[in-house]
Structure formats: structure tokens, C-alpha cells
Amino acid sequence: MPDREREHVLTVKRSEITELRRVVDDIERVSARAERLLSEQRTPLPEEPDHEAVSAWSIRAQRSHWGWA
């Protein structure tokens, strides 16, 4: 996530933005953009997920979290 967007999400998480309407508007804007890009097939995502890569990442993350790595 780009730094600017990450910081915005964190400000919401930390309750620094208290206007619910503003947060809902942001969510709706981002959701609409994502839907548009997906419908136009303008996304960097591959057609199909790389199940092996996701599985390997998940195993590494679990092992690291529990100190098994």
C-alpha cells in the first residue's frame, strides 16, 4: 500500500478521523474505483491466483509467528 493511503487508513484506525460520513465516502470511492478497474480489466492482478505461492507464504508466516522457522 502506498505510504499516503497507508497513513490515511491508520488515521481512521486510530480514530483521528471522527466524521463517519467522511470515512464511508472514502470507502465508497475506493470501492467504486476498484470495481471500475476490475471491470475494465485494468489491474496488475493475474487472471488466476498463484496457489502455490500463497500457500508457501502462509506456511512461512505461520512458522515465523509461532517461532518455528
C-alpha atoms as a PDB file:
ATOM      1  CA  MET A   1       0.000   0.000   0.000  1.00  0.00           C
ATOM      2  CA  PRO A   2       1.431   3.387  -0.897  1.00  0.00           C
ATOM      3  CA  ASP A   3       2.517   5.494   2.072  1.00  0.00           C
ATOM      4  CA  ARG A   4      -0.164   8.151   1.562  1.00  0.00           C
ATOM      5  CA  GLU A   5      -3.007   5.626   1.525  1.00  0.00           C
ATOM      6  CA  ARG A   6      -1.479   3.666   4.406  1.00  0.00           C
ATOM      7  CA  GLU A   7      -1.273   6.770   6.561  1.00  0.00           C
ATOM      8  CA  HIS A   8      -4.900   7.605   5.808  1.00  0.00           C
ATOM      9  CA  VAL A   9      -6.021   4.105   6.834  1.00  0.00           C
ATOM     10  CA  LEU A  10      -4.013   4.401  10.044  1.00  0.00           C
ATOM     11  CA  THR A  11      -5.593   7.754  10.890  1.00  0.00           C
ATOM     12  CA  VAL A  12      -9.003   6.105  10.633  1.00  0.00           C
ATOM     13  CA  LYS A  13      -7.843   3.134  12.702  1.00  0.00           C
ATOM     14  CA  ARG A  14      -6.501   5.462  15.405  1.00  0.00           C
ATOM     15  CA  SER A  15      -9.873   7.295  15.464  1.00  0.00           C
ATOM     16  CA  GLU A  16      -8.231  10.522  14.321  1.00  0.00           C
ATOM     17  CA  ILE A  17     -10.955  10.930  11.711  1.00  0.00           C
ATOM     18  CA  THR A  18     -14.211  11.022  13.604  1.00  0.00           C
ATOM     19  CA  GLU A  19     -16.662  12.027  10.856  1.00  0.00           C
ATOM     20  CA  LEU A  20     -18.329   8.758   9.861  1.00  0.00           C
ATOM     21  CA  ARG A  21     -19.628  10.238   6.597  1.00  0.00           C
ATOM     22  CA  ARG A  22     -16.066  11.060   5.509  1.00  0.00           C
ATOM     23  CA  VAL A  23     -14.892   7.513   6.199  1.00  0.00           C
ATOM     24  CA  VAL A  24     -17.887   5.989   4.402  1.00  0.00           C
ATOM     25  CA  ASP A  25     -17.341   8.317   1.429  1.00  0.00           C
ATOM     26  CA  ASP A  26     -13.678   7.245   1.249  1.00  0.00           C
ATOM     27  CA  ILE A  27     -14.645   3.574   1.335  1.00  0.00           C
ATOM     28  CA  GLU A  28     -17.259   4.058  -1.384  1.00  0.00           C
ATOM     29  CA  ARG A  29     -14.796   5.993  -3.573  1.00  0.00           C
ATOM     30  CA  VAL A  30     -12.085   3.352  -3.287  1.00  0.00           C
ATOM     31  CA  SER A  31     -14.577   0.534  -3.809  1.00  0.00           C
ATOM     32  CA  ALA A  32     -16.004   2.169  -6.943  1.00  0.00           C
ATOM     33  CA  ARG A  33     -12.513   2.677  -8.356  1.00  0.00           C
ATOM     34  CA  ALA A  34     -11.568  -0.945  -7.679  1.00  0.00           C
ATOM     35  CA  GLU A  35     -14.779  -2.184  -9.299  1.00  0.00           C
ATOM     36  CA  ARG A  36     -14.189   0.030 -12.346  1.00  0.00           C
ATOM     37  CA  LEU A  37     -10.588  -1.122 -12.783  1.00  0.00           C
ATOM     38  CA  LEU A  38     -11.619  -4.760 -12.420  1.00  0.00           C
ATOM     39  CA  SER A  39     -14.461  -4.420 -14.915  1.00  0.00           C
ATOM     40  CA  GLU A  40     -12.106  -2.722 -17.390  1.00  0.00           C
ATOM     41  CA  GLN A  41      -9.520  -5.457 -16.761  1.00  0.00           C
ATOM     42  CA  ARG A  42      -7.027  -2.740 -15.792  1.00  0.00           C
ATOM     43  CA  THR A  43      -5.461  -4.406 -12.803  1.00  0.00           C
ATOM     44  CA  PRO A  44      -1.975  -5.747 -12.133  1.00  0.00           C
ATOM     45  CA  LEU A  45      -3.529  -8.888 -10.695  1.00  0.00           C
ATOM     46  CA  PRO A  46      -3.060 -12.108 -12.649  1.00  0.00           C
ATOM     47  CA  GLU A  47      -6.055 -13.912 -14.131  1.00  0.00           C
ATOM     48  CA  GLU A  48      -5.670 -16.732 -11.607  1.00  0.00           C
ATOM     49  CA  PRO A  49      -4.107 -16.735  -8.142  1.00  0.00           C
ATOM     50  CA  ASP A  50      -0.751 -18.435  -7.610  1.00  0.00           C
ATOM     51  CA  HIS A  51      -1.969 -21.007  -5.093  1.00  0.00           C
ATOM     52  CA  GLU A  52       1.496 -22.450  -4.515  1.00  0.00           C
ATOM     53  CA  ALA A  53       2.986 -19.031  -3.729  1.00  0.00           C
ATOM     54  CA  VAL A  54       0.122 -18.146  -1.396  1.00  0.00           C
ATOM     55  CA  SER A  55       0.403 -21.492   0.386  1.00  0.00           C
ATOM     56  CA  ALA A  56       4.177 -21.134   0.788  1.00  0.00           C
ATOM     57  CA  TRP A  57       3.773 -17.586   2.137  1.00  0.00           C
ATOM     58  CA  SER A  58       1.081 -18.719   4.559  1.00  0.00           C
ATOM     59  CA  ILE A  59       3.253 -21.525   5.909  1.00  0.00           C
ATOM     60  CA  ARG A  60       6.257 -19.189   6.297  1.00  0.00           C
ATOM     61  CA  ALA A  61       4.116 -16.590   8.080  1.00  0.00           C
ATOM     62  CA  GLN A  62       2.670 -19.147  10.497  1.00  0.00           C
ATOM     63  CA  ARG A  63       6.053 -20.663  11.252  1.00  0.00           C
ATOM     64  CA  SER A  64       7.585 -17.248  11.772  1.00  0.00           C
ATOM     65  CA  HIS A  65       4.744 -16.115  14.019  1.00  0.00           C
ATOM     66  CA  TRP A  66       4.988 -19.188  16.242  1.00  0.00           C
ATOM     67  CA  GLY A  67       8.795 -19.259  16.215  1.00  0.00           C
ATOM     68  CA  TRP A  68       9.012 -22.497  14.258  1.00  0.00           C
ATOM     69  CA  ALA A  69      11.162 -21.082  11.467  1.00  0.00           C
END
